[in-house]
Amino acid sequence: MDLSAFRATLDQAEPPGGLPAPLRALWWDAKGDWDRAHQAAQEQEGTAASDWVHAYLHRKEGDEANARYWYRKAGQKPAQGSLGDEWEQIATQLLVQRTPD
């Protein structure tokens, strides 16, 4: 699945089956449900992907200190651009990582 196909699923009531927790978190975030997004990000806490999404969510929430903590755990530099650009960057990278060669 690429970014455009991922975005196309946003008209559904539930995320597609088989999505890993970090992508489900981004899916719920795009649907405007921060709480469900946060819950999904916490499912695989301690993995770089989930920790990166977790950082993004706290940045979106406006909790910069908490976001910086999660960026460090994820091994990522804190984002400087728009939230939309960051969402797209994370989603694109996670979708590429899950696509078999």
PDB file of N, CA and C in Angstrom:
ATOM      1  N   MET A   1       0.856  -1.177   0.000  1.00  0.00           N
ATOM      2  CA  MET A   1       0.000   0.000   0.000  1.00  0.00           C
ATOM      3  C   MET A   1       0.899   1.236   0.000  1.00  0.00           C
ATOM      4  N   ASP A   2       0.568   2.181  -0.873  1.00  0.00           N
ATOM      5  CA  ASP A   2       1.315   3.439  -0.881  1.00  0.00           C
ATOM      6  C   ASP A   2       0.487   4.509  -0.155  1.00  0.00           C
ATOM      7  N   LEU A   3       1.023   5.722  -0.094  1.00  0.00           N
ATOM      8  CA  LEU A   3       0.367   6.791   0.655  1.00  0.00           C
ATOM      9  C   LEU A   3      -1.009   7.103   0.097  1.00  0.00           C
ATOM     10  N   SER A   4      -1.134   7.137  -1.201  1.00  0.00           N
ATOM     11  CA  SER A   4      -2.427   7.464  -1.788  1.00  0.00           C
ATOM     12  C   SER A   4      -3.470   6.385  -1.477  1.00  0.00           C
ATOM     13  N   ALA A   5      -3.079   5.133  -1.511  1.00  0.00           N
ATOM     14  CA  ALA A   5      -4.005   4.042  -1.153  1.00  0.00           C
ATOM     15  C   ALA A   5      -4.353   4.103   0.335  1.00  0.00           C
ATOM     16  N   PHE A   6      -3.366   4.442   1.154  1.00  0.00           N
ATOM     17  CA  PHE A   6      -3.600   4.583   2.595  1.00  0.00           C
ATOM     18  C   PHE A   6      -4.618   5.701   2.846  1.00  0.00           C
ATOM     19  N   ARG A   7      -4.416   6.832   2.197  1.00  0.00           N
ATOM     20  CA  ARG A   7      -5.358   7.956   2.357  1.00  0.00           C
ATOM     21  C   ARG A   7      -6.761   7.570   1.880  1.00  0.00           C
ATOM     22  N   ALA A   8      -6.838   6.758   0.842  1.00  0.00           N
ATOM     23  CA  ALA A   8      -8.138   6.352   0.303  1.00  0.00           C
ATOM     24  C   ALA A   8      -8.949   5.531   1.293  1.00  0.00           C
ATOM     25  N   THR A   9      -8.284   4.908   2.259  1.00  0.00           N
ATOM     26  CA  THR A   9      -9.007   4.110   3.265  1.00  0.00           C
ATOM     27  C   THR A   9      -9.661   4.978   4.332  1.00  0.00           C
ATOM     28  N   LEU A  10      -9.354   6.267   4.328  1.00  0.00           N
ATOM     29  CA  LEU A  10      -9.864   7.145   5.382  1.00  0.00           C
ATOM     30  C   LEU A  10     -11.366   7.373   5.292  1.00  0.00           C
ATOM     31  N   ASP A  11     -12.005   6.958   4.207  1.00  0.00           N
ATOM     32  CA  ASP A  11     -13.459   7.085   4.124  1.00  0.00           C
ATOM     33  C   ASP A  11     -14.169   5.906   4.783  1.00  0.00           C
ATOM     34  N   GLN A  12     -13.401   4.935   5.243  1.00  0.00           N
ATOM     35  CA  GLN A  12     -13.964   3.772   5.931  1.00  0.00           C
ATOM     36  C   GLN A  12     -14.165   4.092   7.419  1.00  0.00           C
ATOM     37  N   ALA A  13     -14.974   3.289   8.089  1.00  0.00           N
ATOM     38  CA  ALA A  13     -15.248   3.495   9.510  1.00  0.00           C
ATOM     39  C   ALA A  13     -14.132   2.947  10.402  1.00  0.00           C
ATOM     40  N   GLU A  14     -13.397   1.979   9.903  1.00  0.00           N
ATOM     41  CA  GLU A  14     -12.320   1.344  10.670  1.00  0.00           C
ATOM     42  C   GLU A  14     -11.082   1.247   9.789  1.00  0.00           C
ATOM     43  N   PRO A  15      -9.898   1.220  10.411  1.00  0.00           N
ATOM     44  CA  PRO A  15      -8.684   1.072   9.599  1.00  0.00           C
ATOM     45  C   PRO A  15      -8.645  -0.302   8.936  1.00  0.00           C
ATOM     46  N   PRO A  16      -7.939  -0.401   7.824  1.00  0.00           N
ATOM     47  CA  PRO A  16      -7.823  -1.698   7.155  1.00  0.00           C
ATOM     48  C   PRO A  16      -7.203  -2.740   8.089  1.00  0.00           C
ATOM     49  N   GLY A  17      -7.639  -3.966   7.951  1.00  0.00           N
ATOM     50  CA  GLY A  17      -7.074  -5.048   8.747  1.00  0.00           C
ATOM     51  C   GLY A  17      -5.606  -5.249   8.429  1.00  0.00           C
ATOM     52  N   GLY A  18      -4.858  -5.668   9.420  1.00  0.00           N
ATOM     53  CA  GLY A  18      -3.460  -5.986   9.216  1.00  0.00           C
ATOM     54  C   GLY A  18      -2.507  -4.807   9.306  1.00  0.00           C
ATOM     55  N   LEU A  19      -3.029  -3.597   9.531  1.00  0.00           N
ATOM     56  CA  LEU A  19      -2.127  -2.452   9.683  1.00  0.00           C
ATOM     57  C   LEU A  19      -1.396  -2.552  11.019  1.00  0.00           C
ATOM     58  N   PRO A  20      -0.093  -2.335  11.024  1.00  0.00           N
ATOM     59  CA  PRO A  20       0.620  -2.308  12.299  1.00  0.00           C
ATOM     60  C   PRO A  20       0.174  -1.097  13.127  1.00  0.00           C
ATOM     61  N   ALA A  21       0.370  -1.187  14.427  1.00  0.00           N
ATOM     62  CA  ALA A  21      -0.099  -0.166  15.358  1.00  0.00           C
ATOM     63  C   ALA A  21       0.312   1.260  14.975  1.00  0.00           C
ATOM     64  N   PRO A  22       1.564   1.517  14.564  1.00  0.00           N
ATOM     65  CA  PRO A  22       1.916   2.905  14.226  1.00  0.00           C
ATOM     66  C   PRO A  22       1.110   3.458  13.049  1.00  0.00           C
ATOM     67  N   LEU A  23       0.836   2.639  12.059  1.00  0.00           N
ATOM     68  CA  LEU A  23       0.022   3.092  10.930  1.00  0.00           C
ATOM     69  C   LEU A  23      -1.441   3.246  11.333  1.00  0.00           C
ATOM     70  N   ARG A  24      -1.919   2.367  12.201  1.00  0.00           N
ATOM     71  CA  ARG A  24      -3.284   2.549  12.712  1.00  0.00           C
ATOM     72  C   ARG A  24      -3.389   3.864  13.485  1.00  0.00           C
ATOM     73  N   ALA A  25      -2.336   4.195  14.236  1.00  0.00           N
ATOM     74  CA  ALA A  25      -2.324   5.460  14.979  1.00  0.00           C
ATOM     75  C   ALA A  25      -2.424   6.645  14.017  1.00  0.00           C
ATOM     76  N   LEU A  26      -1.657   6.611  12.945  1.00  0.00           N
ATOM     77  CA  LEU A  26      -1.738   7.691  11.962  1.00  0.00           C
ATOM     78  C   LEU A  26      -3.099   7.726  11.288  1.00  0.00           C
ATOM     79  N   TRP A  27      -3.676   6.548  11.046  1.00  0.00           N
ATOM     80  CA  TRP A  27      -5.004   6.470  10.436  1.00  0.00           C
ATOM     81  C   TRP A  27      -6.031   7.154  11.335  1.00  0.00           C
ATOM     82  N   TRP A  28      -6.033   6.800  12.633  1.00  0.00           N
ATOM     83  CA  TRP A  28      -6.979   7.409  13.568  1.00  0.00           C
ATOM     84  C   TRP A  28      -6.733   8.902  13.701  1.00  0.00           C
ATOM     85  N   ASP A  29      -5.469   9.301  13.683  1.00  0.00           N
ATOM     86  CA  ASP A  29      -5.169  10.729  13.750  1.00  0.00           C
ATOM     87  C   ASP A  29      -5.767  11.460  12.551  1.00  0.00           C
ATOM     88  N   ALA A  30      -5.611  10.903  11.371  1.00  0.00           N
ATOM     89  CA  ALA A  30      -6.158  11.524  10.162  1.00  0.00           C
ATOM     90  C   ALA A  30      -7.680  11.597  10.215  1.00  0.00           C
ATOM     91  N   LYS A  31      -8.296  10.695  10.953  1.00  0.00           N
ATOM     92  CA  LYS A  31      -9.749  10.702  11.124  1.00  0.00           C
ATOM     93  C   LYS A  31     -10.185  11.690  12.206  1.00  0.00           C
ATOM     94  N   GLY A  32      -9.201  12.317  12.890  1.00  0.00           N
ATOM     95  CA  GLY A  32      -9.524  13.291  13.919  1.00  0.00           C
ATOM     96  C   GLY A  32      -9.740  12.706  15.301  1.00  0.00           C
ATOM     97  N   ASP A  33      -9.333  11.456  15.499  1.00  0.00           N
ATOM     98  CA  ASP A  33      -9.516  10.809  16.811  1.00  0.00           C
ATOM     99  C   ASP A  33      -8.155  10.656  17.492  1.00  0.00           C
ATOM    100  N   TRP A  34      -7.716  11.731  18.166  1.00  0.00           N
ATOM    101  CA  TRP A  34      -6.406  11.746  18.807  1.00  0.00           C
ATOM    102  C   TRP A  34      -6.285  10.657  19.872  1.00  0.00           C
ATOM    103  N   ASP A  35      -7.347  10.440  20.649  1.00  0.00           N
ATOM    104  CA  ASP A  35      -7.281   9.444  21.731  1.00  0.00           C
ATOM    105  C   ASP A  35      -7.044   8.036  21.186  1.00  0.00           C
ATOM    106  N   ARG A  36      -7.771   7.656  20.161  1.00  0.00           N
ATOM    107  CA  ARG A  36      -7.554   6.321  19.573  1.00  0.00           C
ATOM    108  C   ARG A  36      -6.185   6.237  18.920  1.00  0.00           C
ATOM    109  N   ALA A  37      -5.742   7.337  18.313  1.00  0.00           N
ATOM    110  CA  ALA A  37      -4.407   7.369  17.722  1.00  0.00           C
ATOM    111  C   ALA A  37      -3.355   7.151  18.806  1.00  0.00           C
ATOM    112  N   HIS A  38      -3.513   7.830  19.919  1.00  0.00           N
ATOM    113  CA  HIS A  38      -2.558   7.714  21.027  1.00  0.00           C
ATOM    114  C   HIS A  38      -2.552   6.294  21.585  1.00  0.00           C
ATOM    115  N   GLN A  39      -3.724   5.707  21.735  1.00  0.00           N
ATOM    116  CA  GLN A  39      -3.806   4.325  22.216  1.00  0.00           C
ATOM    117  C   GLN A  39      -3.065   3.377  21.282  1.00  0.00           C
ATOM    118  N   ALA A  40      -3.262   3.538  19.988  1.00  0.00           N
ATOM    119  CA  ALA A  40      -2.589   2.666  19.020  1.00  0.00           C
ATOM    120  C   ALA A  40      -1.073   2.864  19.074  1.00  0.00           C
ATOM    121  N   ALA A  41      -0.629   4.106  19.198  1.00  0.00           N
ATOM    122  CA  ALA A  41       0.821   4.367  19.282  1.00  0.00           C
ATOM    123  C   ALA A  41       1.421   3.697  20.516  1.00  0.00           C
ATOM    124  N   GLN A  42       0.668   3.641  21.589  1.00  0.00           N
ATOM    125  CA  GLN A  42       1.161   3.040  22.828  1.00  0.00           C
ATOM    126  C   GLN A  42       1.208   1.517  22.777  1.00  0.00           C
ATOM    127  N   GLU A  43       0.510   0.912  21.830  1.00  0.00           N
ATOM    128  CA  GLU A  43       0.473  -0.556  21.748  1.00  0.00           C
ATOM    129  C   GLU A  43       1.861  -1.154  21.541  1.00  0.00           C
ATOM    130  N   GLN A  44       2.703  -0.474  20.787  1.00  0.00           N
ATOM    131  CA  GLN A  44       4.044  -0.998  20.506  1.00  0.00           C
ATOM    132  C   GLN A  44       5.111  -0.027  21.006  1.00  0.00           C
ATOM    133  N   GLU A  45       4.818   0.594  22.147  1.00  0.00           N
ATOM    134  CA  GLU A  45       5.769   1.521  22.755  1.00  0.00           C
ATOM    135  C   GLU A  45       7.135   0.843  22.880  1.00  0.00           C
ATOM    136  N   GLY A  46       8.167   1.593  22.570  1.00  0.00           N
ATOM    137  CA  GLY A  46       9.518   1.034  22.626  1.00  0.00           C
ATOM    138  C   GLY A  46      10.045   0.652  21.255  1.00  0.00           C
ATOM    139  N   THR A  47       9.177   0.651  20.250  1.00  0.00           N
ATOM    140  CA  THR A  47       9.651   0.442  18.879  1.00  0.00           C
ATOM    141  C   THR A  47       9.836   1.822  18.256  1.00  0.00           C
ATOM    142  N   ALA A  48      10.818   1.945  17.397  1.00  0.00           N
ATOM    143  CA  ALA A  48      11.118   3.246  16.797  1.00  0.00           C
ATOM    144  C   ALA A  48       9.907   3.835  16.075  1.00  0.00           C
ATOM    145  N   ALA A  49       9.172   2.999  15.359  1.00  0.00           N
ATOM    146  CA  ALA A  49       8.029   3.492  14.586  1.00  0.00           C
ATOM    147  C   ALA A  49       6.935   4.042  15.495  1.00  0.00           C
ATOM    148  N   SER A  50       6.560   3.279  16.510  1.00  0.00           N
ATOM    149  CA  SER A  50       5.514   3.743  17.426  1.00  0.00           C
ATOM    150  C   SER A  50       5.970   4.963  18.212  1.00  0.00           C
ATOM    151  N   ASP A  51       7.224   4.972  18.621  1.00  0.00           N
ATOM    152  CA  ASP A  51       7.729   6.115  19.379  1.00  0.00           C
ATOM    153  C   ASP A  51       7.750   7.378  18.522  1.00  0.00           C
ATOM    154  N   TRP A  52       8.030   7.242  17.221  1.00  0.00           N
ATOM    155  CA  TRP A  52       8.011   8.391  16.320  1.00  0.00           C
ATOM    156  C   TRP A  52       6.586   8.940  16.178  1.00  0.00           C
ATOM    157  N   VAL A  53       5.637   8.042  15.985  1.00  0.00           N
ATOM    158  CA  VAL A  53       4.237   8.473  15.891  1.00  0.00           C
ATOM    159  C   VAL A  53       3.800   9.101  17.210  1.00  0.00           C
ATOM    160  N   HIS A  54       4.219   8.517  18.312  1.00  0.00           N
ATOM    161  CA  HIS A  54       3.893   9.033  19.635  1.00  0.00           C
ATOM    162  C   HIS A  54       4.423  10.468  19.773  1.00  0.00           C
ATOM    163  N   ALA A  55       5.650  10.710  19.305  1.00  0.00           N
ATOM    164  CA  ALA A  55       6.234  12.058  19.337  1.00  0.00           C
ATOM    165  C   ALA A  55       5.384  13.027  18.527  1.00  0.00           C
ATOM    166  N   TYR A  56       5.026  12.614  17.320  1.00  0.00           N
ATOM    167  CA  TYR A  56       4.193  13.448  16.451  1.00  0.00           C
ATOM    168  C   TYR A  56       2.874  13.803  17.147  1.00  0.00           C
ATOM    169  N   LEU A  57       2.248  12.810  17.769  1.00  0.00           N
ATOM    170  CA  LEU A  57       0.958  13.054  18.416  1.00  0.00           C
ATOM    171  C   LEU A  57       1.081  14.058  19.562  1.00  0.00           C
ATOM    172  N   HIS A  58       2.155  13.959  20.334  1.00  0.00           N
ATOM    173  CA  HIS A  58       2.323  14.918  21.432  1.00  0.00           C
ATOM    174  C   HIS A  58       2.690  16.298  20.904  1.00  0.00           C
ATOM    175  N   ARG A  59       3.407  16.347  19.800  1.00  0.00           N
ATOM    176  CA  ARG A  59       3.669  17.638  19.155  1.00  0.00           C
ATOM    177  C   ARG A  59       2.352  18.259  18.698  1.00  0.00           C
ATOM    178  N   LYS A  60       1.505  17.450  18.102  1.00  0.00           N
ATOM    179  CA  LYS A  60       0.199  17.939  17.644  1.00  0.00           C
ATOM    180  C   LYS A  60      -0.640  18.427  18.819  1.00  0.00           C
ATOM    181  N   GLU A  61      -0.527  17.727  19.923  1.00  0.00           N
ATOM    182  CA  GLU A  61      -1.270  18.086  21.130  1.00  0.00           C
ATOM    183  C   GLU A  61      -0.756  19.400  21.728  1.00  0.00           C
ATOM    184  N   GLY A  62       0.474  19.769  21.381  1.00  0.00           N
ATOM    185  CA  GLY A  62       1.068  20.981  21.936  1.00  0.00           C
ATOM    186  C   GLY A  62       1.957  20.733  23.130  1.00  0.00           C
ATOM    187  N   ASP A  63       2.221  19.459  23.438  1.00  0.00           N
ATOM    188  CA  ASP A  63       3.069  19.094  24.571  1.00  0.00           C
ATOM    189  C   ASP A  63       4.494  18.883  24.054  1.00  0.00           C
ATOM    190  N   GLU A  64       5.209  19.988  23.860  1.00  0.00           N
ATOM    191  CA  GLU A  64       6.542  19.945  23.249  1.00  0.00           C
ATOM    192  C   GLU A  64       7.550  19.135  24.059  1.00  0.00           C
ATOM    193  N   ALA A  65       7.522  19.248  25.379  1.00  0.00           N
ATOM    194  CA  ALA A  65       8.487  18.508  26.215  1.00  0.00           C
ATOM    195  C   ALA A  65       8.275  17.004  26.053  1.00  0.00           C
ATOM    196  N   ASN A  66       7.043  16.568  26.093  1.00  0.00           N
ATOM    197  CA  ASN A  66       6.735  15.147  25.927  1.00  0.00           C
ATOM    198  C   ASN A  66       7.098  14.699  24.515  1.00  0.00           C
ATOM    199  N   ALA A  67       6.818  15.539  23.534  1.00  0.00           N
ATOM    200  CA  ALA A  67       7.171  15.206  22.148  1.00  0.00           C
ATOM    201  C   ALA A  67       8.683  15.024  22.022  1.00  0.00           C
ATOM    202  N   ARG A  68       9.469  15.921  22.594  1.00  0.00           N
ATOM    203  CA  ARG A  68      10.934  15.799  22.514  1.00  0.00           C
ATOM    204  C   ARG A  68      11.407  14.481  23.126  1.00  0.00           C
ATOM    205  N   TYR A  69      10.800  14.079  24.243  1.00  0.00           N
ATOM    206  CA  TYR A  69      11.146  12.802  24.874  1.00  0.00           C
ATOM    207  C   TYR A  69      10.936  11.651  23.888  1.00  0.00           C
ATOM    208  N   TRP A  70       9.783  11.637  23.194  1.00  0.00           N
ATOM    209  CA  TRP A  70       9.476  10.539  22.275  1.00  0.00           C
ATOM    210  C   TRP A  70      10.319  10.595  21.016  1.00  0.00           C
ATOM    211  N   TYR A  71      10.646  11.797  20.547  1.00  0.00           N
ATOM    212  CA  TYR A  71      11.568  11.899  19.402  1.00  0.00           C
ATOM    213  C   TYR A  71      12.915  11.271  19.773  1.00  0.00           C
ATOM    214  N   ARG A  72      13.402  11.566  20.970  1.00  0.00           N
ATOM    215  CA  ARG A  72      14.680  10.968  21.405  1.00  0.00           C
ATOM    216  C   ARG A  72      14.572   9.452  21.438  1.00  0.00           C
ATOM    217  N   LYS A  73      13.514   8.930  22.028  1.00  0.00           N
ATOM    218  CA  LYS A  73      13.336   7.476  22.099  1.00  0.00           C
ATOM    219  C   LYS A  73      13.263   6.856  20.704  1.00  0.00           C
ATOM    220  N   ALA A  74      12.685   7.585  19.760  1.00  0.00           N
ATOM    221  CA  ALA A  74      12.534   7.073  18.391  1.00  0.00           C
ATOM    222  C   ALA A  74      13.810   7.239  17.572  1.00  0.00           C
ATOM    223  N   GLY A  75      14.779   7.994  18.104  1.00  0.00           N
ATOM    224  CA  GLY A  75      15.998   8.257  17.344  1.00  0.00           C
ATOM    225  C   GLY A  75      15.767   9.244  16.209  1.00  0.00           C
ATOM    226  N   GLN A  76      14.811  10.134  16.384  1.00  0.00           N
ATOM    227  CA  GLN A  76      14.451  11.128  15.361  1.00  0.00           C
ATOM    228  C   GLN A  76      14.726  12.534  15.887  1.00  0.00           C
ATOM    229  N   LYS A  77      15.066  13.429  14.976  1.00  0.00           N
ATOM    230  CA  LYS A  77      15.166  14.842  15.326  1.00  0.00           C
ATOM    231  C   LYS A  77      13.748  15.395  15.416  1.00  0.00           C
ATOM    232  N   PRO A  78      13.491  16.297  16.374  1.00  0.00           N
ATOM    233  CA  PRO A  78      12.158  16.908  16.431  1.00  0.00           C
ATOM    234  C   PRO A  78      11.811  17.596  15.113  1.00  0.00           C
ATOM    235  N   ALA A  79      10.601  17.408  14.682  1.00  0.00           N
ATOM    236  CA  ALA A  79      10.139  17.977  13.412  1.00  0.00           C
ATOM    237  C   ALA A  79      10.038  19.492  13.521  1.00  0.00           C
ATOM    238  N   GLN A  80      10.301  20.144  12.428  1.00  0.00           N
ATOM    239  CA  GLN A  80      10.234  21.604  12.372  1.00  0.00           C
ATOM    240  C   GLN A  80       9.142  22.097  11.421  1.00  0.00           C
ATOM    241  N   GLY A  81       8.731  21.264  10.500  1.00  0.00           N
ATOM    242  CA  GLY A  81       7.747  21.669   9.493  1.00  0.00           C
ATOM    243  C   GLY A  81       6.325  21.562  10.014  1.00  0.00           C
ATOM    244  N   SER A  82       5.407  21.574   9.080  1.00  0.00           N
ATOM    245  CA  SER A  82       3.991  21.494   9.447  1.00  0.00           C
ATOM    246  C   SER A  82       3.643  20.089   9.946  1.00  0.00           C
ATOM    247  N   LEU A  83       2.580  20.013  10.714  1.00  0.00           N
ATOM    248  CA  LEU A  83       2.106  18.715  11.186  1.00  0.00           C
ATOM    249  C   LEU A  83       1.691  17.834  10.009  1.00  0.00           C
ATOM    250  N   GLY A  84       1.071  18.440   9.006  1.00  0.00           N
ATOM    251  CA  GLY A  84       0.667  17.673   7.823  1.00  0.00           C
ATOM    252  C   GLY A  84       1.852  17.068   7.094  1.00  0.00           C
ATOM    253  N   ASP A  85       2.919  17.847   6.969  1.00  0.00           N
ATOM    254  CA  ASP A  85       4.128  17.331   6.321  1.00  0.00           C
ATOM    255  C   ASP A  85       4.741  16.205   7.131  1.00  0.00           C
ATOM    256  N   GLU A  86       4.743  16.368   8.449  1.00  0.00           N
ATOM    257  CA  GLU A  86       5.318  15.315   9.291  1.00  0.00           C
ATOM    258  C   GLU A  86       4.478  14.041   9.202  1.00  0.00           C
ATOM    259  N   TRP A  87       3.159  14.172   9.249  1.00  0.00           N
ATOM    260  CA  TRP A  87       2.274  13.006   9.140  1.00  0.00           C
ATOM    261  C   TRP A  87       2.585  12.263   7.848  1.00  0.00           C
ATOM    262  N   GLU A  88       2.683  13.015   6.757  1.00  0.00           N
ATOM    263  CA  GLU A  88       2.948  12.405   5.451  1.00  0.00           C
ATOM    264  C   GLU A  88       4.320  11.721   5.423  1.00  0.00           C
ATOM    265  N   GLN A  89       5.321  12.358   5.998  1.00  0.00           N
ATOM    266  CA  GLN A  89       6.664  11.773   6.036  1.00  0.00           C
ATOM    267  C   GLN A  89       6.675  10.457   6.817  1.00  0.00           C
ATOM    268  N   ILE A  90       6.052  10.467   7.985  1.00  0.00           N
ATOM    269  CA  ILE A  90       6.020   9.249   8.809  1.00  0.00           C
ATOM    270  C   ILE A  90       5.243   8.153   8.086  1.00  0.00           C
ATOM    271  N   ALA A  91       4.052   8.487   7.590  1.00  0.00           N
ATOM    272  CA  ALA A  91       3.224   7.484   6.916  1.00  0.00           C
ATOM    273  C   ALA A  91       3.956   6.893   5.718  1.00  0.00           C
ATOM    274  N   THR A  92       4.568   7.735   4.927  1.00  0.00           N
ATOM    275  CA  THR A  92       5.285   7.257   3.741  1.00  0.00           C
ATOM    276  C   THR A  92       6.397   6.299   4.139  1.00  0.00           C
ATOM    277  N   GLN A  93       7.185   6.680   5.125  1.00  0.00           N
ATOM    278  CA  GLN A  93       8.292   5.814   5.542  1.00  0.00           C
ATOM    279  C   GLN A  93       7.788   4.492   6.104  1.00  0.00           C
ATOM    280  N   LEU A  94       6.757   4.526   6.915  1.00  0.00           N
ATOM    281  CA  LEU A  94       6.243   3.290   7.505  1.00  0.00           C
ATOM    282  C   LEU A  94       5.609   2.389   6.440  1.00  0.00           C
ATOM    283  N   LEU A  95       4.948   2.981   5.472  1.00  0.00           N
ATOM    284  CA  LEU A  95       4.370   2.171   4.395  1.00  0.00           C
ATOM    285  C   LEU A  95       5.443   1.532   3.538  1.00  0.00           C
ATOM    286  N   VAL A  96       6.508   2.254   3.263  1.00  0.00           N
ATOM    287  CA  VAL A  96       7.632   1.703   2.486  1.00  0.00           C
ATOM    288  C   VAL A  96       8.276   0.562   3.257  1.00  0.00           C
ATOM    289  N   GLN A  97       8.443   0.741   4.554  1.00  0.00           N
ATOM    290  CA  GLN A  97       9.092  -0.291   5.375  1.00  0.00           C
ATOM    291  C   GLN A  97       8.289  -1.579   5.418  1.00  0.00           C
ATOM    292  N   ARG A  98       6.984  -1.494   5.301  1.00  0.00           N
ATOM    293  CA  ARG A  98       6.187  -2.719   5.395  1.00  0.00           C
ATOM    294  C   ARG A  98       5.937  -3.371   4.043  1.00  0.00           C
ATOM    295  N   THR A  99       6.345  -2.705   2.964  1.00  0.00           N
ATOM    296  CA  THR A  99       6.175  -3.274   1.624  1.00  0.00           C
ATOM    297  C   THR A  99       7.294  -4.273   1.342  1.00  0.00           C
ATOM    298  N   PRO A 100       6.952  -5.517   1.040  1.00  0.00           N
ATOM    299  CA  PRO A 100       8.004  -6.493   0.730  1.00  0.00           C
ATOM    300  C   PRO A 100       8.742  -6.125  -0.554  1.00  0.00           C
ATOM    301  N   ASP A 101      10.025  -6.461  -0.597  1.00  0.00           N
ATOM    302  CA  ASP A 101      10.850  -6.185  -1.782  1.00  0.00           C
ATOM    303  C   ASP A 101      10.435  -7.060  -2.954  1.00  0.00           C
TER     304      ASP A 101
END
